[in-house]
Amino acid sequence: MKELVEVIAKALVDDPESVVVNEREEKKTTVLEVRVAESDMGKVIGKQGRIAKAIRSVVKAAAAKEDKKVIVDIMD
């Protein structure tokens, strides 16, 4: 899942080198924390959060295939 989020985020931003995705486990859930350059934050979130919601939907679908629960947090 981490690699999937990295690929999507790097494709969206102007500075792909600044994209960092941290993965941590909480109970039965995997939490992916996405950090991007401050200037690219709007590109990852999108208008009214539409892009962020789309990223979460794609990851949720991929996680459901593997019978896992994944949460994507976009950190500022």
PDB file of N, CA and C in Angstrom:
ATOM      1  N   MET A   1       0.816  -1.194   0.000  1.00  0.00           N
ATOM      2  CA  MET A   1       0.000   0.000   0.000  1.00  0.00           C
ATOM      3  C   MET A   1       0.864   1.266   0.000  1.00  0.00           C
ATOM      4  N   LYS A   2       1.961   1.217   0.760  1.00  0.00           N
ATOM      5  CA  LYS A   2       2.834   2.380   0.858  1.00  0.00           C
ATOM      6  C   LYS A   2       3.340   2.786  -0.523  1.00  0.00           C
ATOM      7  N   GLU A   3       3.744   1.810  -1.311  1.00  0.00           N
ATOM      8  CA  GLU A   3       4.267   2.093  -2.649  1.00  0.00           C
ATOM      9  C   GLU A   3       3.189   2.699  -3.545  1.00  0.00           C
ATOM     10  N   LEU A   4       1.967   2.218  -3.424  1.00  0.00           N
ATOM     11  CA  LEU A   4       0.850   2.739  -4.216  1.00  0.00           C
ATOM     12  C   LEU A   4       0.622   4.219  -3.915  1.00  0.00           C
ATOM     13  N   VAL A   5       0.605   4.576  -2.643  1.00  0.00           N
ATOM     14  CA  VAL A   5       0.389   5.969  -2.249  1.00  0.00           C
ATOM     15  C   VAL A   5       1.557   6.841  -2.720  1.00  0.00           C
ATOM     16  N   GLU A   6       2.786   6.324  -2.624  1.00  0.00           N
ATOM     17  CA  GLU A   6       3.953   7.085  -3.089  1.00  0.00           C
ATOM     18  C   GLU A   6       3.854   7.385  -4.578  1.00  0.00           C
ATOM     19  N   VAL A   7       3.505   6.390  -5.370  1.00  0.00           N
ATOM     20  CA  VAL A   7       3.401   6.571  -6.824  1.00  0.00           C
ATOM     21  C   VAL A   7       2.339   7.616  -7.163  1.00  0.00           C
ATOM     22  N   ILE A   8       1.197   7.525  -6.522  1.00  0.00           N
ATOM     23  CA  ILE A   8       0.111   8.481  -6.789  1.00  0.00           C
ATOM     24  C   ILE A   8       0.529   9.893  -6.390  1.00  0.00           C
ATOM     25  N   ALA A   9       1.085  10.043  -5.191  1.00  0.00           N
ATOM     26  CA  ALA A   9       1.473  11.369  -4.702  1.00  0.00           C
ATOM     27  C   ALA A   9       2.572  11.979  -5.561  1.00  0.00           C
ATOM     28  N   LYS A  10       3.560  11.193  -5.936  1.00  0.00           N
ATOM     29  CA  LYS A  10       4.661  11.709  -6.756  1.00  0.00           C
ATOM     30  C   LYS A  10       4.185  12.145  -8.134  1.00  0.00           C
ATOM     31  N   ALA A  11       3.154  11.496  -8.643  1.00  0.00           N
ATOM     32  CA  ALA A  11       2.608  11.867  -9.949  1.00  0.00           C
ATOM     33  C   ALA A  11       1.849  13.198  -9.879  1.00  0.00           C
ATOM     34  N   LEU A  12       1.357  13.553  -8.723  1.00  0.00           N
ATOM     35  CA  LEU A  12       0.545  14.763  -8.574  1.00  0.00           C
ATOM     36  C   LEU A  12       1.350  16.030  -8.316  1.00  0.00           C
ATOM     37  N   VAL A  13       2.509  15.911  -7.671  1.00  0.00           N
ATOM     38  CA  VAL A  13       3.227  17.087  -7.184  1.00  0.00           C
ATOM     39  C   VAL A  13       4.301  17.578  -8.156  1.00  0.00           C
ATOM     40  N   ASP A  14       4.756  18.822  -7.925  1.00  0.00           N
ATOM     41  CA  ASP A  14       5.846  19.396  -8.713  1.00  0.00           C
ATOM     42  C   ASP A  14       7.209  18.944  -8.207  1.00  0.00           C
ATOM     43  N   ASP A  15       7.303  18.634  -6.915  1.00  0.00           N
ATOM     44  CA  ASP A  15       8.565  18.234  -6.294  1.00  0.00           C
ATOM     45  C   ASP A  15       8.441  16.803  -5.744  1.00  0.00           C
ATOM     46  N   PRO A  16       8.578  15.800  -6.625  1.00  0.00           N
ATOM     47  CA  PRO A  16       8.382  14.413  -6.175  1.00  0.00           C
ATOM     48  C   PRO A  16       9.421  13.934  -5.156  1.00  0.00           C
ATOM     49  N   GLU A  17      10.571  14.599  -5.090  1.00  0.00           N
ATOM     50  CA  GLU A  17      11.603  14.208  -4.123  1.00  0.00           C
ATOM     51  C   GLU A  17      11.165  14.489  -2.682  1.00  0.00           C
ATOM     52  N   SER A  18      10.247  15.413  -2.500  1.00  0.00           N
ATOM     53  CA  SER A  18       9.815  15.785  -1.151  1.00  0.00           C
ATOM     54  C   SER A  18       8.699  14.895  -0.612  1.00  0.00           C
ATOM     55  N   VAL A  19       8.201  13.974  -1.421  1.00  0.00           N
ATOM     56  CA  VAL A  19       7.118  13.093  -0.980  1.00  0.00           C
ATOM     57  C   VAL A  19       7.681  12.023  -0.043  1.00  0.00           C
ATOM     58  N   VAL A  20       7.112  11.946   1.155  1.00  0.00           N
ATOM     59  CA  VAL A  20       7.507  10.942   2.136  1.00  0.00           C
ATOM     60  C   VAL A  20       6.242  10.261   2.652  1.00  0.00           C
ATOM     61  N   VAL A  21       6.242   8.932   2.626  1.00  0.00           N
ATOM     62  CA  VAL A  21       5.111   8.171   3.142  1.00  0.00           C
ATOM     63  C   VAL A  21       5.615   7.273   4.272  1.00  0.00           C
ATOM     64  N   ASN A  22       5.084   7.477   5.464  1.00  0.00           N
ATOM     65  CA  ASN A  22       5.432   6.647   6.620  1.00  0.00           C
ATOM     66  C   ASN A  22       4.292   5.681   6.898  1.00  0.00           C
ATOM     67  N   GLU A  23       4.655   4.459   7.224  1.00  0.00           N
ATOM     68  CA  GLU A  23       3.656   3.417   7.485  1.00  0.00           C
ATOM     69  C   GLU A  23       3.790   2.978   8.936  1.00  0.00           C
ATOM     70  N   ARG A  24       2.654   2.920   9.622  1.00  0.00           N
ATOM     71  CA  ARG A  24       2.678   2.427  10.996  1.00  0.00           C
ATOM     72  C   ARG A  24       1.420   1.595  11.255  1.00  0.00           C
ATOM     73  N   GLU A  25       1.556   0.679  12.195  1.00  0.00           N
ATOM     74  CA  GLU A  25       0.458  -0.219  12.534  1.00  0.00           C
ATOM     75  C   GLU A  25      -0.208   0.242  13.827  1.00  0.00           C
ATOM     76  N   GLU A  26      -1.532   0.257  13.820  1.00  0.00           N
ATOM     77  CA  GLU A  26      -2.322   0.546  15.016  1.00  0.00           C
ATOM     78  C   GLU A  26      -3.416  -0.503  15.102  1.00  0.00           C
ATOM     79  N   LYS A  27      -3.292  -1.370  16.087  1.00  0.00           N
ATOM     80  CA  LYS A  27      -4.231  -2.484  16.258  1.00  0.00           C
ATOM     81  C   LYS A  27      -4.283  -3.300  14.967  1.00  0.00           C
ATOM     82  N   LYS A  28      -5.418  -3.350  14.293  1.00  0.00           N
ATOM     83  CA  LYS A  28      -5.539  -4.119  13.045  1.00  0.00           C
ATOM     84  C   LYS A  28      -5.564  -3.208  11.829  1.00  0.00           C
ATOM     85  N   THR A  29      -5.106  -1.974  11.996  1.00  0.00           N
ATOM     86  CA  THR A  29      -5.180  -0.982  10.935  1.00  0.00           C
ATOM     87  C   THR A  29      -3.786  -0.472  10.580  1.00  0.00           C
ATOM     88  N   THR A  30      -3.548  -0.284   9.299  1.00  0.00           N
ATOM     89  CA  THR A  30      -2.314   0.332   8.832  1.00  0.00           C
ATOM     90  C   THR A  30      -2.599   1.798   8.549  1.00  0.00           C
ATOM     91  N   VAL A  31      -1.767   2.673   9.083  1.00  0.00           N
ATOM     92  CA  VAL A  31      -1.917   4.112   8.870  1.00  0.00           C
ATOM     93  C   VAL A  31      -0.767   4.582   7.985  1.00  0.00           C
ATOM     94  N   LEU A  32      -1.107   5.219   6.879  1.00  0.00           N
ATOM     95  CA  LEU A  32      -0.107   5.774   5.974  1.00  0.00           C
ATOM     96  C   LEU A  32      -0.130   7.292   6.106  1.00  0.00           C
ATOM     97  N   GLU A  33       0.995   7.857   6.528  1.00  0.00           N
ATOM     98  CA  GLU A  33       1.105   9.306   6.691  1.00  0.00           C
ATOM     99  C   GLU A  33       1.854   9.861   5.490  1.00  0.00           C
ATOM    100  N   VAL A  34       1.211  10.748   4.746  1.00  0.00           N
ATOM    101  CA  VAL A  34       1.791  11.328   3.542  1.00  0.00           C
ATOM    102  C   VAL A  34       2.228  12.751   3.840  1.00  0.00           C
ATOM    103  N   ARG A  35       3.486  13.033   3.533  1.00  0.00           N
ATOM    104  CA  ARG A  35       4.024  14.387   3.687  1.00  0.00           C
ATOM    105  C   ARG A  35       4.556  14.849   2.337  1.00  0.00           C
ATOM    106  N   VAL A  36       4.186  16.069   1.962  1.00  0.00           N
ATOM    107  CA  VAL A  36       4.664  16.667   0.713  1.00  0.00           C
ATOM    108  C   VAL A  36       5.142  18.086   1.011  1.00  0.00           C
ATOM    109  N   ALA A  37       5.800  18.706   0.036  1.00  0.00           N
ATOM    110  CA  ALA A  37       6.238  20.089   0.197  1.00  0.00           C
ATOM    111  C   ALA A  37       5.011  20.974   0.411  1.00  0.00           C
ATOM    112  N   GLU A  38       5.199  22.026   1.169  1.00  0.00           N
ATOM    113  CA  GLU A  38       4.072  22.918   1.489  1.00  0.00           C
ATOM    114  C   GLU A  38       3.428  23.484   0.222  1.00  0.00           C
ATOM    115  N   SER A  39       4.248  23.754  -0.792  1.00  0.00           N
ATOM    116  CA  SER A  39       3.718  24.319  -2.035  1.00  0.00           C
ATOM    117  C   SER A  39       2.888  23.297  -2.829  1.00  0.00           C
ATOM    118  N   ASP A  40       3.069  22.012  -2.551  1.00  0.00           N
ATOM    119  CA  ASP A  40       2.337  20.959  -3.262  1.00  0.00           C
ATOM    120  C   ASP A  40       1.122  20.445  -2.492  1.00  0.00           C
ATOM    121  N   MET A  41       0.895  20.956  -1.306  1.00  0.00           N
ATOM    122  CA  MET A  41      -0.199  20.465  -0.463  1.00  0.00           C
ATOM    123  C   MET A  41      -1.548  20.563  -1.166  1.00  0.00           C
ATOM    124  N   GLY A  42      -1.795  21.668  -1.841  1.00  0.00           N
ATOM    125  CA  GLY A  42      -3.068  21.856  -2.534  1.00  0.00           C
ATOM    126  C   GLY A  42      -3.275  20.863  -3.658  1.00  0.00           C
ATOM    127  N   LYS A  43      -2.197  20.446  -4.301  1.00  0.00           N
ATOM    128  CA  LYS A  43      -2.302  19.482  -5.401  1.00  0.00           C
ATOM    129  C   LYS A  43      -2.686  18.102  -4.898  1.00  0.00           C
ATOM    130  N   VAL A  44      -2.241  17.761  -3.706  1.00  0.00           N
ATOM    131  CA  VAL A  44      -2.554  16.441  -3.143  1.00  0.00           C
ATOM    132  C   VAL A  44      -3.951  16.432  -2.533  1.00  0.00           C
ATOM    133  N   ILE A  45      -4.376  17.548  -1.968  1.00  0.00           N
ATOM    134  CA  ILE A  45      -5.700  17.613  -1.347  1.00  0.00           C
ATOM    135  C   ILE A  45      -6.779  17.888  -2.389  1.00  0.00           C
ATOM    136  N   GLY A  46      -6.529  18.822  -3.292  1.00  0.00           N
ATOM    137  CA  GLY A  46      -7.505  19.136  -4.332  1.00  0.00           C
ATOM    138  C   GLY A  46      -8.608  20.046  -3.823  1.00  0.00           C
ATOM    139  N   LYS A  47      -9.430  20.511  -4.754  1.00  0.00           N
ATOM    140  CA  LYS A  47     -10.542  21.375  -4.376  1.00  0.00           C
ATOM    141  C   LYS A  47     -11.543  20.586  -3.547  1.00  0.00           C
ATOM    142  N   GLN A  48     -11.856  21.138  -2.396  1.00  0.00           N
ATOM    143  CA  GLN A  48     -12.794  20.521  -1.449  1.00  0.00           C
ATOM    144  C   GLN A  48     -12.405  19.094  -1.089  1.00  0.00           C
ATOM    145  N   GLY A  49     -11.100  18.791  -1.177  1.00  0.00           N
ATOM    146  CA  GLY A  49     -10.611  17.476  -0.771  1.00  0.00           C
ATOM    147  C   GLY A  49     -10.904  16.351  -1.734  1.00  0.00           C
ATOM    148  N   ARG A  50     -11.232  16.668  -2.975  1.00  0.00           N
ATOM    149  CA  ARG A  50     -11.626  15.634  -3.929  1.00  0.00           C
ATOM    150  C   ARG A  50     -10.484  14.676  -4.270  1.00  0.00           C
ATOM    151  N   ILE A  51      -9.279  15.210  -4.461  1.00  0.00           N
ATOM    152  CA  ILE A  51      -8.149  14.339  -4.817  1.00  0.00           C
ATOM    153  C   ILE A  51      -7.775  13.459  -3.629  1.00  0.00           C
ATOM    154  N   ALA A  52      -7.759  14.029  -2.434  1.00  0.00           N
ATOM    155  CA  ALA A  52      -7.463  13.245  -1.236  1.00  0.00           C
ATOM    156  C   ALA A  52      -8.490  12.121  -1.073  1.00  0.00           C
ATOM    157  N   LYS A  53      -9.738  12.427  -1.328  1.00  0.00           N
ATOM    158  CA  LYS A  53     -10.798  11.421  -1.223  1.00  0.00           C
ATOM    159  C   LYS A  53     -10.601  10.323  -2.271  1.00  0.00           C
ATOM    160  N   ALA A  54     -10.185  10.717  -3.470  1.00  0.00           N
ATOM    161  CA  ALA A  54      -9.941   9.734  -4.527  1.00  0.00           C
ATOM    162  C   ALA A  54      -8.772   8.825  -4.167  1.00  0.00           C
ATOM    163  N   ILE A  55      -7.711   9.404  -3.606  1.00  0.00           N
ATOM    164  CA  ILE A  55      -6.558   8.593  -3.180  1.00  0.00           C
ATOM    165  C   ILE A  55      -7.006   7.590  -2.122  1.00  0.00           C
ATOM    166  N   ARG A  56      -7.785   8.061  -1.165  1.00  0.00           N
ATOM    167  CA  ARG A  56      -8.272   7.164  -0.104  1.00  0.00           C
ATOM    168  C   ARG A  56      -9.154   6.055  -0.668  1.00  0.00           C
ATOM    169  N   SER A  57      -9.964   6.368  -1.679  1.00  0.00           N
ATOM    170  CA  SER A  57     -10.834   5.362  -2.287  1.00  0.00           C
ATOM    171  C   SER A  57     -10.026   4.281  -2.991  1.00  0.00           C
ATOM    172  N   VAL A  58      -8.997   4.688  -3.723  1.00  0.00           N
ATOM    173  CA  VAL A  58      -8.146   3.726  -4.431  1.00  0.00           C
ATOM    174  C   VAL A  58      -7.426   2.823  -3.434  1.00  0.00           C
ATOM    175  N   VAL A  59      -6.880   3.415  -2.382  1.00  0.00           N
ATOM    176  CA  VAL A  59      -6.164   2.628  -1.375  1.00  0.00           C
ATOM    177  C   VAL A  59      -7.118   1.700  -0.640  1.00  0.00           C
ATOM    178  N   LYS A  60      -8.312   2.184  -0.347  1.00  0.00           N
ATOM    179  CA  LYS A  60      -9.301   1.344   0.344  1.00  0.00           C
ATOM    180  C   LYS A  60      -9.678   0.139  -0.509  1.00  0.00           C
ATOM    181  N   ALA A  61      -9.840   0.354  -1.811  1.00  0.00           N
ATOM    182  CA  ALA A  61     -10.179  -0.750  -2.708  1.00  0.00           C
ATOM    183  C   ALA A  61      -9.039  -1.761  -2.784  1.00  0.00           C
ATOM    184  N   ALA A  62      -7.802  -1.278  -2.868  1.00  0.00           N
ATOM    185  CA  ALA A  62      -6.651  -2.178  -2.918  1.00  0.00           C
ATOM    186  C   ALA A  62      -6.496  -2.935  -1.596  1.00  0.00           C
ATOM    187  N   ALA A  63      -6.763  -2.268  -0.483  1.00  0.00           N
ATOM    188  CA  ALA A  63      -6.658  -2.911   0.824  1.00  0.00           C
ATOM    189  C   ALA A  63      -7.756  -3.955   1.009  1.00  0.00           C
ATOM    190  N   ALA A  64      -8.929  -3.688   0.489  1.00  0.00           N
ATOM    191  CA  ALA A  64     -10.041  -4.640   0.614  1.00  0.00           C
ATOM    192  C   ALA A  64      -9.715  -5.943  -0.117  1.00  0.00           C
ATOM    193  N   LYS A  65      -8.988  -5.825  -1.215  1.00  0.00           N
ATOM    194  CA  LYS A  65      -8.569  -7.020  -1.954  1.00  0.00           C
ATOM    195  C   LYS A  65      -7.695  -7.924  -1.093  1.00  0.00           C
ATOM    196  N   GLU A  66      -6.888  -7.311  -0.236  1.00  0.00           N
ATOM    197  CA  GLU A  66      -5.982  -8.062   0.641  1.00  0.00           C
ATOM    198  C   GLU A  66      -6.583  -8.270   2.032  1.00  0.00           C
ATOM    199  N   ASP A  67      -7.854  -7.906   2.193  1.00  0.00           N
ATOM    200  CA  ASP A  67      -8.576  -8.048   3.459  1.00  0.00           C
ATOM    201  C   ASP A  67      -7.873  -7.301   4.601  1.00  0.00           C
ATOM    202  N   LYS A  68      -7.489  -6.052   4.328  1.00  0.00           N
ATOM    203  CA  LYS A  68      -6.828  -5.209   5.318  1.00  0.00           C
ATOM    204  C   LYS A  68      -7.589  -3.902   5.450  1.00  0.00           C
ATOM    205  N   LYS A  69      -7.276  -3.149   6.501  1.00  0.00           N
ATOM    206  CA  LYS A  69      -7.838  -1.813   6.665  1.00  0.00           C
ATOM    207  C   LYS A  69      -6.690  -0.810   6.658  1.00  0.00           C
ATOM    208  N   VAL A  70      -6.785   0.180   5.780  1.00  0.00           N
ATOM    209  CA  VAL A  70      -5.723   1.173   5.634  1.00  0.00           C
ATOM    210  C   VAL A  70      -6.335   2.565   5.715  1.00  0.00           C
ATOM    211  N   ILE A  71      -5.681   3.437   6.469  1.00  0.00           N
ATOM    212  CA  ILE A  71      -6.090   4.832   6.591  1.00  0.00           C
ATOM    213  C   ILE A  71      -4.978   5.692   5.998  1.00  0.00           C
ATOM    214  N   VAL A  72      -5.357   6.660   5.159  1.00  0.00           N
ATOM    215  CA  VAL A  72      -4.388   7.578   4.577  1.00  0.00           C
ATOM    216  C   VAL A  72      -4.561   8.951   5.236  1.00  0.00           C
ATOM    217  N   ASP A  73      -3.492   9.424   5.894  1.00  0.00           N
ATOM    218  CA  ASP A  73      -3.490  10.751   6.507  1.00  0.00           C
ATOM    219  C   ASP A  73      -2.546  11.642   5.727  1.00  0.00           C
ATOM    220  N   ILE A  74      -3.014  12.810   5.339  1.00  0.00           N
ATOM    221  CA  ILE A  74      -2.161  13.783   4.660  1.00  0.00           C
ATOM    222  C   ILE A  74      -1.728  14.790   5.724  1.00  0.00           C
ATOM    223  N   MET A  75      -0.440  14.788   6.027  1.00  0.00           N
ATOM    224  CA  MET A  75       0.105  15.590   7.119  1.00  0.00           C
ATOM    225  C   MET A  75       0.562  16.947   6.617  1.00  0.00           C
ATOM    226  N   ASP A  76       0.418  17.963   7.474  1.00  0.00           N
ATOM    227  CA  ASP A  76       0.902  19.296   7.085  1.00  0.00           C
ATOM    228  C   ASP A  76       2.191  19.618   7.797  1.00  0.00           C
TER     229      ASP A  76
END
